[in-house]
């Protein structure tokens, strides 16, 4: 199983939301077809078939917990 699939599974199962590495989450979103735009510390992700815009910032190299939950919610809808 690839790193991206393992990470997506970890996110969807709700395992350790505060333990997701920010750069890995960014890579996952790009590999899932999201387009990335960076403005300062804000990484903005959009995808044609997803209404929600993801605006992510790192927290000491980790993804913020609520932002990991946003990614999970996109795939549960």
PDB file of N, CA and C in Angstrom:
ATOM      1  N   UNK A   1       0.847  -1.177   0.000  1.00  0.00           N
ATOM      2  CA  UNK A   1       0.000   0.000   0.000  1.00  0.00           C
ATOM      3  C   UNK A   1       0.894   1.241   0.000  1.00  0.00           C
ATOM      4  N   UNK A   2       0.561   2.215  -0.840  1.00  0.00           N
ATOM      5  CA  UNK A   2       1.386   3.410  -0.953  1.00  0.00           C
ATOM      6  C   UNK A   2       1.239   4.315   0.280  1.00  0.00           C
ATOM      7  N   UNK A   3       2.182   5.224   0.425  1.00  0.00           N
ATOM      8  CA  UNK A   3       2.144   6.161   1.555  1.00  0.00           C
ATOM      9  C   UNK A   3       0.870   6.996   1.528  1.00  0.00           C
ATOM     10  N   UNK A   4       0.462   7.426   0.326  1.00  0.00           N
ATOM     11  CA  UNK A   4      -0.745   8.239   0.209  1.00  0.00           C
ATOM     12  C   UNK A   4      -1.987   7.463   0.634  1.00  0.00           C
ATOM     13  N   UNK A   5      -2.077   6.208   0.220  1.00  0.00           N
ATOM     14  CA  UNK A   5      -3.239   5.396   0.598  1.00  0.00           C
ATOM     15  C   UNK A   5      -3.264   5.163   2.105  1.00  0.00           C
ATOM     16  N   UNK A   6      -2.103   4.921   2.689  1.00  0.00           N
ATOM     17  CA  UNK A   6      -2.041   4.735   4.143  1.00  0.00           C
ATOM     18  C   UNK A   6      -2.458   5.998   4.875  1.00  0.00           C
ATOM     19  N   UNK A   7      -1.989   7.144   4.381  1.00  0.00           N
ATOM     20  CA  UNK A   7      -2.338   8.416   5.020  1.00  0.00           C
ATOM     21  C   UNK A   7      -3.827   8.696   4.888  1.00  0.00           C
ATOM     22  N   UNK A   8      -4.391   8.482   3.697  1.00  0.00           N
ATOM     23  CA  UNK A   8      -5.824   8.705   3.494  1.00  0.00           C
ATOM     24  C   UNK A   8      -6.633   7.789   4.398  1.00  0.00           C
ATOM     25  N   UNK A   9      -6.244   6.540   4.511  1.00  0.00           N
ATOM     26  CA  UNK A   9      -6.934   5.597   5.392  1.00  0.00           C
ATOM     27  C   UNK A   9      -6.855   6.058   6.843  1.00  0.00           C
ATOM     28  N   UNK A  10      -5.690   6.525   7.252  1.00  0.00           N
ATOM     29  CA  UNK A  10      -5.487   7.027   8.618  1.00  0.00           C
ATOM     30  C   UNK A  10      -6.398   8.232   8.883  1.00  0.00           C
ATOM     31  N   UNK A  11      -6.516   9.123   7.900  1.00  0.00           N
ATOM     32  CA  UNK A  11      -7.375  10.305   8.046  1.00  0.00           C
ATOM     33  C   UNK A  11      -8.836   9.893   8.106  1.00  0.00           C
ATOM     34  N   UNK A  12      -9.254   9.009   7.201  1.00  0.00           N
ATOM     35  CA  UNK A  12     -10.658   8.597   7.150  1.00  0.00           C
ATOM     36  C   UNK A  12     -11.076   7.817   8.387  1.00  0.00           C
ATOM     37  N   UNK A  13     -10.147   7.094   9.008  1.00  0.00           N
ATOM     38  CA  UNK A  13     -10.464   6.349  10.225  1.00  0.00           C
ATOM     39  C   UNK A  13     -10.435   7.231  11.461  1.00  0.00           C
ATOM     40  N   UNK A  14      -9.937   8.465  11.324  1.00  0.00           N
ATOM     41  CA  UNK A  14      -9.901   9.383  12.453  1.00  0.00           C
ATOM     42  C   UNK A  14      -8.784   9.100  13.433  1.00  0.00           C
ATOM     43  N   UNK A  15      -7.751   8.410  12.981  1.00  0.00           N
ATOM     44  CA  UNK A  15      -6.630   8.092  13.857  1.00  0.00           C
ATOM     45  C   UNK A  15      -5.718   9.305  13.992  1.00  0.00           C
ATOM     46  N   UNK A  16      -5.450   9.710  15.192  1.00  0.00           N
ATOM     47  CA  UNK A  16      -4.478  10.758  15.526  1.00  0.00           C
ATOM     48  C   UNK A  16      -4.534  11.973  14.610  1.00  0.00           C
ATOM     49  N   UNK A  17      -5.633  12.710  14.672  1.00  0.00           N
ATOM     50  CA  UNK A  17      -5.805  13.908  13.854  1.00  0.00           C
ATOM     51  C   UNK A  17      -4.698  14.922  14.074  1.00  0.00           C
ATOM     52  N   UNK A  18      -4.143  14.959  15.258  1.00  0.00           N
ATOM     53  CA  UNK A  18      -3.118  15.948  15.561  1.00  0.00           C
ATOM     54  C   UNK A  18      -1.720  15.451  15.213  1.00  0.00           C
ATOM     55  N   UNK A  19      -1.622  14.296  14.603  1.00  0.00           N
ATOM     56  CA  UNK A  19      -0.326  13.697  14.317  1.00  0.00           C
ATOM     57  C   UNK A  19      -0.062  13.531  12.825  1.00  0.00           C
ATOM     58  N   UNK A  20      -0.727  14.340  11.996  1.00  0.00           N
ATOM     59  CA  UNK A  20      -0.555  14.254  10.544  1.00  0.00           C
ATOM     60  C   UNK A  20       0.493  15.285  10.132  1.00  0.00           C
ATOM     61  N   UNK A  21       1.488  14.848   9.404  1.00  0.00           N
ATOM     62  CA  UNK A  21       2.546  15.759   8.956  1.00  0.00           C
ATOM     63  C   UNK A  21       2.006  16.625   7.820  1.00  0.00           C
ATOM     64  N   UNK A  22       2.211  17.940   7.959  1.00  0.00           N
ATOM     65  CA  UNK A  22       1.641  18.916   7.030  1.00  0.00           C
ATOM     66  C   UNK A  22       2.070  18.658   5.585  1.00  0.00           C
ATOM     67  N   UNK A  23       3.340  18.438   5.351  1.00  0.00           N
ATOM     68  CA  UNK A  23       3.827  18.236   3.976  1.00  0.00           C
ATOM     69  C   UNK A  23       3.231  16.972   3.359  1.00  0.00           C
ATOM     70  N   UNK A  24       2.990  15.951   4.164  1.00  0.00           N
ATOM     71  CA  UNK A  24       2.370  14.721   3.653  1.00  0.00           C
ATOM     72  C   UNK A  24       0.915  14.954   3.288  1.00  0.00           C
ATOM     73  N   UNK A  25       0.220  15.767   4.087  1.00  0.00           N
ATOM     74  CA  UNK A  25      -1.174  16.091   3.788  1.00  0.00           C
ATOM     75  C   UNK A  25      -1.247  16.896   2.491  1.00  0.00           C
ATOM     76  N   UNK A  26      -0.335  17.831   2.301  1.00  0.00           N
ATOM     77  CA  UNK A  26      -0.292  18.620   1.071  1.00  0.00           C
ATOM     78  C   UNK A  26      -0.048  17.723  -0.141  1.00  0.00           C
ATOM     79  N   UNK A  27       0.905  16.807  -0.029  1.00  0.00           N
ATOM     80  CA  UNK A  27       1.209  15.878  -1.117  1.00  0.00           C
ATOM     81  C   UNK A  27      -0.007  15.008  -1.442  1.00  0.00           C
ATOM     82  N   UNK A  28      -0.702  14.544  -0.398  1.00  0.00           N
ATOM     83  CA  UNK A  28      -1.888  13.717  -0.594  1.00  0.00           C
ATOM     84  C   UNK A  28      -2.958  14.474  -1.379  1.00  0.00           C
ATOM     85  N   UNK A  29      -3.215  15.713  -0.993  1.00  0.00           N
ATOM     86  CA  UNK A  29      -4.247  16.490  -1.679  1.00  0.00           C
ATOM     87  C   UNK A  29      -3.897  16.716  -3.147  1.00  0.00           C
ATOM     88  N   UNK A  30      -2.650  17.006  -3.436  1.00  0.00           N
ATOM     89  CA  UNK A  30      -2.228  17.186  -4.827  1.00  0.00           C
ATOM     90  C   UNK A  30      -2.399  15.884  -5.603  1.00  0.00           C
ATOM     91  N   UNK A  31      -2.032  14.769  -4.997  1.00  0.00           N
ATOM     92  CA  UNK A  31      -2.173  13.471  -5.668  1.00  0.00           C
ATOM     93  C   UNK A  31      -3.629  13.050  -5.832  1.00  0.00           C
ATOM     94  N   UNK A  32      -4.523  13.639  -5.025  1.00  0.00           N
ATOM     95  CA  UNK A  32      -5.955  13.361  -5.163  1.00  0.00           C
ATOM     96  C   UNK A  32      -6.613  14.283  -6.191  1.00  0.00           C
ATOM     97  N   UNK A  33      -5.813  15.157  -6.812  1.00  0.00           N
ATOM     98  CA  UNK A  33      -6.337  15.995  -7.888  1.00  0.00           C
ATOM     99  C   UNK A  33      -6.657  17.422  -7.503  1.00  0.00           C
ATOM    100  N   UNK A  34      -6.296  17.827  -6.305  1.00  0.00           N
ATOM    101  CA  UNK A  34      -6.522  19.210  -5.894  1.00  0.00           C
ATOM    102  C   UNK A  34      -5.465  20.111  -6.517  1.00  0.00           C
ATOM    103  N   UNK A  35      -5.854  21.339  -6.816  1.00  0.00           N
ATOM    104  CA  UNK A  35      -4.908  22.339  -7.297  1.00  0.00           C
ATOM    105  C   UNK A  35      -4.463  23.168  -6.098  1.00  0.00           C
ATOM    106  N   UNK A  36      -3.179  23.462  -6.037  1.00  0.00           N
ATOM    107  CA  UNK A  36      -2.619  24.180  -4.887  1.00  0.00           C
ATOM    108  C   UNK A  36      -2.243  25.603  -5.288  1.00  0.00           C
ATOM    109  N   UNK A  37      -2.568  26.535  -4.395  1.00  0.00           N
ATOM    110  CA  UNK A  37      -2.127  27.913  -4.530  1.00  0.00           C
ATOM    111  C   UNK A  37      -1.569  28.311  -3.174  1.00  0.00           C
ATOM    112  N   UNK A  38      -0.422  28.943  -3.144  1.00  0.00           N
ATOM    113  CA  UNK A  38       0.199  29.315  -1.872  1.00  0.00           C
ATOM    114  C   UNK A  38       0.264  30.827  -1.778  1.00  0.00           C
ATOM    115  N   UNK A  39      -0.241  31.360  -0.658  1.00  0.00           N
ATOM    116  CA  UNK A  39      -0.160  32.789  -0.354  1.00  0.00           C
ATOM    117  C   UNK A  39       0.418  32.901   1.048  1.00  0.00           C
ATOM    118  N   UNK A  40       1.694  33.186   1.138  1.00  0.00           N
ATOM    119  CA  UNK A  40       2.346  33.259   2.443  1.00  0.00           C
ATOM    120  C   UNK A  40       2.378  31.883   3.078  1.00  0.00           C
ATOM    121  N   UNK A  41       1.824  31.782   4.274  1.00  0.00           N
ATOM    122  CA  UNK A  41       1.793  30.491   4.968  1.00  0.00           C
ATOM    123  C   UNK A  41       0.523  29.692   4.657  1.00  0.00           C
ATOM    124  N   UNK A  42      -0.368  30.261   3.853  1.00  0.00           N
ATOM    125  CA  UNK A  42      -1.640  29.610   3.532  1.00  0.00           C
ATOM    126  C   UNK A  42      -1.500  28.786   2.259  1.00  0.00           C
ATOM    127  N   UNK A  43      -1.831  27.528   2.362  1.00  0.00           N
ATOM    128  CA  UNK A  43      -1.872  26.619   1.218  1.00  0.00           C
ATOM    129  C   UNK A  43      -3.343  26.387   0.917  1.00  0.00           C
ATOM    130  N   UNK A  44      -3.785  26.847  -0.239  1.00  0.00           N
ATOM    131  CA  UNK A  44      -5.196  26.798  -0.601  1.00  0.00           C
ATOM    132  C   UNK A  44      -5.384  25.724  -1.662  1.00  0.00           C
ATOM    133  N   UNK A  45      -6.339  24.819  -1.405  1.00  0.00           N
ATOM    134  CA  UNK A  45      -6.577  23.683  -2.300  1.00  0.00           C
ATOM    135  C   UNK A  45      -8.003  23.735  -2.820  1.00  0.00           C
ATOM    136  N   UNK A  46      -8.135  23.590  -4.136  1.00  0.00           N
ATOM    137  CA  UNK A  46      -9.455  23.545  -4.756  1.00  0.00           C
ATOM    138  C   UNK A  46      -9.503  22.358  -5.716  1.00  0.00           C
ATOM    139  N   UNK A  47     -10.714  21.882  -5.919  1.00  0.00           N
ATOM    140  CA  UNK A  47     -10.943  20.785  -6.867  1.00  0.00           C
ATOM    141  C   UNK A  47     -12.313  21.009  -7.479  1.00  0.00           C
ATOM    142  N   UNK A  48     -12.441  20.766  -8.766  1.00  0.00           N
ATOM    143  CA  UNK A  48     -13.682  21.064  -9.485  1.00  0.00           C
ATOM    144  C   UNK A  48     -14.910  20.418  -8.871  1.00  0.00           C
ATOM    145  N   UNK A  49     -14.825  19.165  -8.463  1.00  0.00           N
ATOM    146  CA  UNK A  49     -15.997  18.463  -7.956  1.00  0.00           C
ATOM    147  C   UNK A  49     -16.166  18.558  -6.440  1.00  0.00           C
ATOM    148  N   UNK A  50     -15.392  19.442  -5.786  1.00  0.00           N
ATOM    149  CA  UNK A  50     -15.500  19.641  -4.342  1.00  0.00           C
ATOM    150  C   UNK A  50     -15.855  21.103  -4.092  1.00  0.00           C
ATOM    151  N   UNK A  51     -16.993  21.335  -3.427  1.00  0.00           N
ATOM    152  CA  UNK A  51     -17.446  22.710  -3.175  1.00  0.00           C
ATOM    153  C   UNK A  51     -16.550  23.454  -2.204  1.00  0.00           C
ATOM    154  N   UNK A  52     -16.107  22.763  -1.179  1.00  0.00           N
ATOM    155  CA  UNK A  52     -15.343  23.413  -0.111  1.00  0.00           C
ATOM    156  C   UNK A  52     -13.919  23.732  -0.569  1.00  0.00           C
ATOM    157  N   UNK A  53     -13.442  24.898  -0.181  1.00  0.00           N
ATOM    158  CA  UNK A  53     -12.056  25.287  -0.421  1.00  0.00           C
ATOM    159  C   UNK A  53     -11.286  24.989   0.852  1.00  0.00           C
ATOM    160  N   UNK A  54     -10.167  24.296   0.715  1.00  0.00           N
ATOM    161  CA  UNK A  54      -9.341  23.961   1.873  1.00  0.00           C
ATOM    162  C   UNK A  54      -8.227  24.986   2.005  1.00  0.00           C
ATOM    163  N   UNK A  55      -8.151  25.616   3.150  1.00  0.00           N
ATOM    164  CA  UNK A  55      -7.129  26.612   3.439  1.00  0.00           C
ATOM    165  C   UNK A  55      -6.315  26.073   4.608  1.00  0.00           C
ATOM    166  N   UNK A  56      -5.119  25.583   4.323  1.00  0.00           N
ATOM    167  CA  UNK A  56      -4.315  24.900   5.329  1.00  0.00           C
ATOM    168  C   UNK A  56      -3.081  25.712   5.708  1.00  0.00           C
ATOM    169  N   UNK A  57      -2.711  25.643   6.962  1.00  0.00           N
ATOM    170  CA  UNK A  57      -1.462  26.213   7.462  1.00  0.00           C
ATOM    171  C   UNK A  57      -0.846  25.181   8.396  1.00  0.00           C
ATOM    172  N   UNK A  58       0.479  25.155   8.399  1.00  0.00           N
ATOM    173  CA  UNK A  58       1.136  24.184   9.273  1.00  0.00           C
ATOM    174  C   UNK A  58       1.220  24.716  10.693  1.00  0.00           C
ATOM    175  N   UNK A  59       1.359  23.800  11.607  1.00  0.00           N
ATOM    176  CA  UNK A  59       1.524  24.111  13.031  1.00  0.00           C
ATOM    177  C   UNK A  59       2.746  23.328  13.493  1.00  0.00           C
ATOM    178  N   UNK A  60       3.933  23.938  13.351  1.00  0.00           N
ATOM    179  CA  UNK A  60       5.193  23.259  13.684  1.00  0.00           C
ATOM    180  C   UNK A  60       5.336  21.945  12.921  1.00  0.00           C
ATOM    181  N   UNK A  61       5.201  21.997  11.626  1.00  0.00           N
ATOM    182  CA  UNK A  61       5.334  20.885  10.680  1.00  0.00           C
ATOM    183  C   UNK A  61       4.190  19.871  10.739  1.00  0.00           C
ATOM    184  N   UNK A  62       3.208  20.075  11.574  1.00  0.00           N
ATOM    185  CA  UNK A  62       2.030  19.201  11.645  1.00  0.00           C
ATOM    186  C   UNK A  62       0.834  19.940  11.062  1.00  0.00           C
ATOM    187  N   UNK A  63      -0.126  19.190  10.563  1.00  0.00           N
ATOM    188  CA  UNK A  63      -1.378  19.781  10.110  1.00  0.00           C
ATOM    189  C   UNK A  63      -2.253  20.055  11.331  1.00  0.00           C
ATOM    190  N   UNK A  64      -3.002  21.133  11.271  1.00  0.00           N
ATOM    191  CA  UNK A  64      -3.892  21.463  12.385  1.00  0.00           C
ATOM    192  C   UNK A  64      -5.044  20.461  12.417  1.00  0.00           C
ATOM    193  N   UNK A  65      -5.461  20.107  13.617  1.00  0.00           N
ATOM    194  CA  UNK A  65      -6.478  19.072  13.813  1.00  0.00           C
ATOM    195  C   UNK A  65      -7.765  19.371  13.055  1.00  0.00           C
ATOM    196  N   UNK A  66      -8.248  20.598  13.143  1.00  0.00           N
ATOM    197  CA  UNK A  66      -9.523  20.915  12.495  1.00  0.00           C
ATOM    198  C   UNK A  66      -9.400  20.836  10.971  1.00  0.00           C
ATOM    199  N   UNK A  67      -8.211  21.067  10.443  1.00  0.00           N
ATOM    200  CA  UNK A  67      -8.026  20.990   9.001  1.00  0.00           C
ATOM    201  C   UNK A  67      -8.003  19.542   8.521  1.00  0.00           C
ATOM    202  N   UNK A  68      -7.463  18.652   9.333  1.00  0.00           N
ATOM    203  CA  UNK A  68      -7.508  17.218   9.006  1.00  0.00           C
ATOM    204  C   UNK A  68      -8.972  16.760   8.995  1.00  0.00           C
ATOM    205  N   UNK A  69      -9.763  17.259   9.930  1.00  0.00           N
ATOM    206  CA  UNK A  69     -11.189  16.919   9.973  1.00  0.00           C
ATOM    207  C   UNK A  69     -11.911  17.441   8.736  1.00  0.00           C
ATOM    208  N   UNK A  70     -11.518  18.615   8.234  1.00  0.00           N
ATOM    209  CA  UNK A  70     -12.117  19.152   7.005  1.00  0.00           C
ATOM    210  C   UNK A  70     -11.856  18.209   5.830  1.00  0.00           C
ATOM    211  N   UNK A  71     -10.642  17.711   5.731  1.00  0.00           N
ATOM    212  CA  UNK A  71     -10.307  16.777   4.649  1.00  0.00           C
ATOM    213  C   UNK A  71     -11.156  15.513   4.779  1.00  0.00           C
ATOM    214  N   UNK A  72     -11.300  14.999   5.984  1.00  0.00           N
ATOM    215  CA  UNK A  72     -12.117  13.798   6.211  1.00  0.00           C
ATOM    216  C   UNK A  72     -13.564  14.053   5.797  1.00  0.00           C
ATOM    217  N   UNK A  73     -14.096  15.204   6.163  1.00  0.00           N
ATOM    218  CA  UNK A  73     -15.495  15.518   5.843  1.00  0.00           C
ATOM    219  C   UNK A  73     -15.754  15.588   4.355  1.00  0.00           C
ATOM    220  N   UNK A  74     -14.772  15.998   3.573  1.00  0.00           N
ATOM    221  CA  UNK A  74     -14.935  16.049   2.125  1.00  0.00           C
ATOM    222  C   UNK A  74     -15.196  14.651   1.580  1.00  0.00           C
ATOM    223  N   UNK A  75     -14.551  13.645   2.135  1.00  0.00           N
ATOM    224  CA  UNK A  75     -14.693  12.294   1.615  1.00  0.00           C
ATOM    225  C   UNK A  75     -15.846  11.526   2.254  1.00  0.00           C
ATOM    226  N   UNK A  76     -16.455  12.071   3.297  1.00  0.00           N
ATOM    227  CA  UNK A  76     -17.625  11.435   3.889  1.00  0.00           C
ATOM    228  C   UNK A  76     -18.910  11.978   3.301  1.00  0.00           C
ATOM    229  N   UNK A  77     -18.841  13.072   2.557  1.00  0.00           N
ATOM    230  CA  UNK A  77     -20.057  13.675   1.990  1.00  0.00           C
ATOM    231  C   UNK A  77     -20.506  12.967   0.742  1.00  0.00           C
TER     232      UNK A  77
END
